[in-house]
């Protein structure tokens, strides 16, 4: 990911557990449609995320999804919607709020509707993961500096090991993306490759 060294005291590591879940964060059309103000430079993270989902589903690993959606006038978005007015495009059942087909939820896969950056804030995600006896959260989606970072930090704070899949997350600015991954690895998560992720999930079989 980077050749930059970590400062003394930031070289710890987290060991993935035996009961992971995969969390697909906000992989909505808003991030991949050219006319959207949220649009990313490319959709490479979607294909990588799709590969993770294939491995997870084959191994019987739980898969959960988040989508952003606001009620009338975006009042449930509070000051966040005032700070980022483009979020008003996600009021109601908007086209931009629909999941990308390659990573869309399958029947039976939980979909968490959120209004803020973290998938844990104001949602039932933590209790759902706890009920599934999950110990590790494999995080995919967008954007690296926003919802991915916030979700990884909250996963750690809820006692889950966060694994951020390098190729399966994306941001609008490469420098911001790289800096966020660097900081996540230093303090809050394990940033792992797509190859290592699929090997980890495939090695679990259906024992989870």
Protein backbone atom coordinates (compact mmCIF):
# COMPACT_ATOMS: atom_id res chain seq x y z
CA UNK A 1 0.00 0.00 0.00
CA UNK A 2 2.75 2.46 0.96
CA UNK A 3 6.47 2.62 1.54
CA UNK A 4 6.04 5.16 4.32
CA UNK A 5 7.05 3.82 7.74
CA UNK A 6 4.74 3.93 10.73
CA UNK A 7 5.84 5.83 13.83
CA UNK A 8 6.98 3.92 16.88
CA UNK A 9 3.99 2.55 18.76
CA UNK A 10 1.85 2.19 15.62
CA UNK A 11 3.10 -1.18 14.42
CA UNK A 12 0.43 -3.36 16.03
CA UNK A 13 -1.70 -5.79 14.08
CA UNK A 14 -5.12 -7.37 14.40
CA UNK A 15 -5.73 -11.05 13.65
CA UNK A 16 -8.86 -11.84 11.63
CA UNK A 17 -11.27 -14.09 13.47
CA UNK A 18 -13.12 -17.25 12.50
CA UNK A 19 -16.56 -15.61 12.19
CA UNK A 20 -16.39 -12.72 9.71
CA UNK A 21 -19.11 -10.84 7.92
CA UNK A 22 -18.70 -8.83 4.74
CA UNK A 23 -20.10 -5.30 4.76
CA UNK A 24 -20.72 -3.56 1.43
CA UNK A 25 -20.84 0.17 2.18
CA UNK A 26 -22.86 2.49 -0.07
CA UNK A 27 -21.98 0.95 -3.43
CA UNK A 28 -24.72 3.00 -5.06
CA UNK A 29 -25.12 4.48 -8.52
CA UNK A 30 -24.42 7.91 -7.04
CA UNK A 31 -20.72 7.06 -6.95
CA UNK A 32 -20.48 5.73 -10.49
CA UNK A 33 -22.87 7.76 -12.67
CA UNK A 34 -20.95 10.51 -14.54
CA UNK A 35 -23.62 13.15 -13.90
CA UNK A 36 -23.46 12.62 -10.11
CA UNK A 37 -21.40 15.02 -7.97
CA UNK A 38 -20.22 11.98 -6.01
CA UNK A 39 -18.84 10.15 -9.06
CA UNK A 40 -15.50 8.37 -8.63
CA UNK A 41 -12.78 8.33 -11.32
CA UNK A 42 -13.45 4.67 -12.15
CA UNK A 43 -15.44 1.64 -11.04
CA UNK A 44 -12.56 -0.75 -10.36
CA UNK A 45 -13.57 -1.14 -6.71
CA UNK A 46 -16.94 -2.54 -7.82
CA UNK A 47 -15.34 -5.44 -9.65
CA UNK A 48 -13.02 -6.15 -6.72
CA UNK A 49 -15.95 -6.04 -4.31
CA UNK A 50 -17.85 -8.45 -6.55
CA UNK A 51 -14.99 -10.94 -6.27
CA UNK A 52 -15.08 -10.69 -2.48
CA UNK A 53 -18.82 -11.35 -2.50
CA UNK A 54 -18.39 -14.46 -4.64
CA UNK A 55 -15.90 -15.86 -2.13
CA UNK A 56 -18.00 -14.89 0.88
CA UNK A 57 -21.22 -16.34 -0.45
CA UNK A 58 -19.51 -19.57 -1.49
CA UNK A 59 -18.11 -19.93 2.04
CA UNK A 60 -21.42 -19.14 3.74
CA UNK A 61 -20.06 -15.92 5.25
CA UNK A 62 -22.80 -13.38 6.07
CA UNK A 63 -23.04 -10.44 3.68
CA UNK A 64 -24.64 -7.15 4.69
CA UNK A 65 -25.14 -3.93 2.74
CA UNK A 66 -25.67 -0.26 3.48
CA UNK A 67 -27.48 2.36 1.42
CA UNK A 68 -27.99 6.05 2.11
CA UNK A 69 -31.56 7.32 2.02
CA UNK A 70 -33.25 10.38 3.47
CA UNK A 71 -36.84 11.18 4.32
CA UNK A 72 -38.80 14.21 3.13
CA UNK A 73 -36.66 17.33 2.79
CA UNK A 74 -33.67 15.41 4.20
CA UNK A 75 -34.56 16.41 7.73
CA UNK A 76 -33.18 13.11 9.09
CA UNK A 77 -29.80 14.07 7.63
CA UNK A 78 -29.54 17.05 9.95
CA UNK A 79 -26.48 19.25 9.61
CA UNK A 80 -24.76 16.63 7.40
CA UNK A 81 -27.14 17.44 4.56
CA UNK A 82 -26.57 21.15 5.18
CA UNK A 83 -22.81 20.60 4.97
CA UNK A 84 -23.04 18.39 1.85
CA UNK A 85 -26.08 19.64 -0.10
CA UNK A 86 -25.53 17.01 -2.82
CA UNK A 87 -26.88 14.45 -0.33
CA UNK A 88 -30.32 15.81 -1.15
CA UNK A 89 -30.08 13.72 -4.32
CA UNK A 90 -30.59 10.70 -2.04
CA UNK A 91 -33.95 11.80 -0.65
CA UNK A 92 -36.51 9.05 -1.10
CA UNK A 93 -36.25 6.13 -3.56
CA UNK A 94 -33.88 7.89 -5.95
CA UNK A 95 -32.18 6.26 -8.93
CA UNK A 96 -28.78 7.36 -7.64
CA UNK A 97 -29.51 5.61 -4.35
CA UNK A 98 -29.87 2.18 -5.99
CA UNK A 99 -27.09 -0.42 -5.55
CA UNK A 100 -24.71 -1.21 -8.37
CA UNK A 101 -25.92 -4.43 -10.04
CA UNK A 102 -22.60 -6.28 -9.64
CA UNK A 103 -22.73 -5.94 -5.85
CA UNK A 104 -26.47 -5.73 -5.26
CA UNK A 105 -27.95 -7.57 -2.26
CA UNK A 106 -29.23 -11.08 -2.80
CA UNK A 107 -32.53 -12.13 -1.22
CA UNK A 108 -32.02 -12.61 2.51
CA UNK A 109 -28.96 -10.35 2.77
CA UNK A 110 -29.65 -7.52 5.25
CA UNK A 111 -29.69 -3.96 3.96
CA UNK A 112 -29.00 -1.23 6.51
CA UNK A 113 -30.37 2.21 5.64
CA UNK A 114 -28.17 4.97 7.03
CA UNK A 115 -28.07 8.76 7.00
CA UNK A 116 -24.54 9.49 8.18
CA UNK A 117 -21.00 8.38 7.38
CA UNK A 118 -20.60 5.41 9.71
CA UNK A 119 -22.67 2.32 8.99
CA UNK A 120 -22.98 1.92 12.78
CA UNK A 121 -24.28 5.39 13.64
CA UNK A 122 -28.00 5.39 14.34
CA UNK A 123 -28.52 1.90 12.87
CA UNK A 124 -29.03 -1.67 14.07
CA UNK A 125 -25.80 -2.90 12.45
CA UNK A 126 -23.88 -3.61 15.66
CA UNK A 127 -26.70 -5.64 17.19
CA UNK A 128 -27.20 -7.56 13.94
CA UNK A 129 -23.51 -8.48 13.79
CA UNK A 130 -23.55 -9.45 17.46
CA UNK A 131 -26.57 -11.68 16.93
CA UNK A 132 -24.64 -13.44 14.15
CA UNK A 133 -21.68 -13.87 16.57
CA UNK A 134 -19.44 -11.99 14.13
CA UNK A 135 -15.91 -11.13 15.28
CA UNK A 136 -14.47 -9.60 12.08
CA UNK A 137 -15.95 -7.15 9.58
CA UNK A 138 -14.61 -7.19 6.01
CA UNK A 139 -15.31 -3.70 4.67
CA UNK A 140 -15.86 -2.86 0.99
CA UNK A 141 -17.27 0.24 -0.66
CA UNK A 142 -17.06 4.00 -0.82
CA UNK A 143 -15.70 6.43 -0.09
CA UNK A 144 -12.41 5.59 1.58
CA UNK A 145 -11.97 8.90 3.38
CA UNK A 146 -15.60 9.16 4.47
CA UNK A 147 -17.95 6.25 5.04
CA UNK A 148 -15.25 3.55 4.89
CA UNK A 149 -13.05 5.30 7.42
CA UNK A 150 -15.95 6.12 9.75
CA UNK A 151 -17.30 2.58 9.55
CA UNK A 152 -13.90 1.00 10.21
CA UNK A 153 -13.33 3.22 13.24
CA UNK A 154 -16.74 2.38 14.65
CA UNK A 155 -16.25 -1.33 13.94
CA UNK A 156 -13.11 -1.21 16.07
CA UNK A 157 -14.91 0.72 18.79
CA UNK A 158 -17.66 -1.90 18.86
CA UNK A 159 -15.11 -4.68 19.35
CA UNK A 160 -14.96 -6.07 15.81
CA UNK A 161 -11.73 -6.56 13.86
CA UNK A 162 -12.03 -4.31 10.78
CA UNK A 163 -10.48 -5.52 7.53
CA UNK A 164 -10.50 -2.90 4.76
CA UNK A 165 -9.99 -4.45 1.33
CA UNK A 166 -7.58 -2.19 -0.54
CA UNK A 167 -8.81 -2.78 -4.09
CA UNK A 168 -12.49 -2.88 -3.09
CA UNK A 169 -12.71 0.66 -1.70
CA UNK A 170 -12.53 3.90 -3.63
CA UNK A 171 -12.45 7.68 -3.37
CA UNK A 172 -12.65 10.69 -5.65
CA UNK A 173 -9.03 11.73 -5.07
CA UNK A 174 -6.16 9.18 -5.20
CA UNK A 175 -4.05 11.10 -2.68
CA UNK A 176 -6.93 11.22 -0.19
CA UNK A 177 -7.63 7.52 -0.78
CA UNK A 178 -3.99 6.56 -0.12
CA UNK A 179 -3.69 8.78 2.95
CA UNK A 180 -6.86 7.31 4.40
CA UNK A 181 -5.67 3.74 3.91
CA UNK A 182 -2.33 4.64 5.50
CA UNK A 183 -4.03 6.11 8.55
CA UNK A 184 -6.50 3.25 8.84
CA UNK A 185 -3.65 0.73 8.85
CA UNK A 186 -1.74 2.78 11.40
CA UNK A 187 -4.54 3.10 13.93
CA UNK A 188 -7.86 1.44 13.26
CA UNK A 189 -7.88 -1.52 10.88
CA UNK A 190 -5.99 -4.05 8.83
CA UNK A 191 -5.80 -2.95 5.19
CA UNK A 192 -5.52 -6.16 3.18
CA UNK A 193 -5.30 -7.11 -0.48
CA UNK A 194 -8.07 -8.60 -2.57
CA UNK A 195 -6.03 -11.81 -2.96
CA UNK A 196 -5.56 -12.19 0.79
CA UNK A 197 -9.23 -11.42 1.41
CA UNK A 198 -10.58 -14.06 -0.94
CA UNK A 199 -8.09 -16.60 0.41
CA UNK A 200 -9.16 -15.83 3.99
CA UNK A 201 -12.87 -16.16 3.20
CA UNK A 202 -12.46 -19.26 1.03
CA UNK A 203 -10.43 -20.95 3.74
CA UNK A 204 -13.32 -20.72 6.19
CA UNK A 205 -15.55 -23.09 4.26
CA UNK A 206 -19.05 -23.23 5.74
CA UNK A 207 -17.94 -23.56 9.36
CA UNK A 208 -18.76 -19.92 10.21
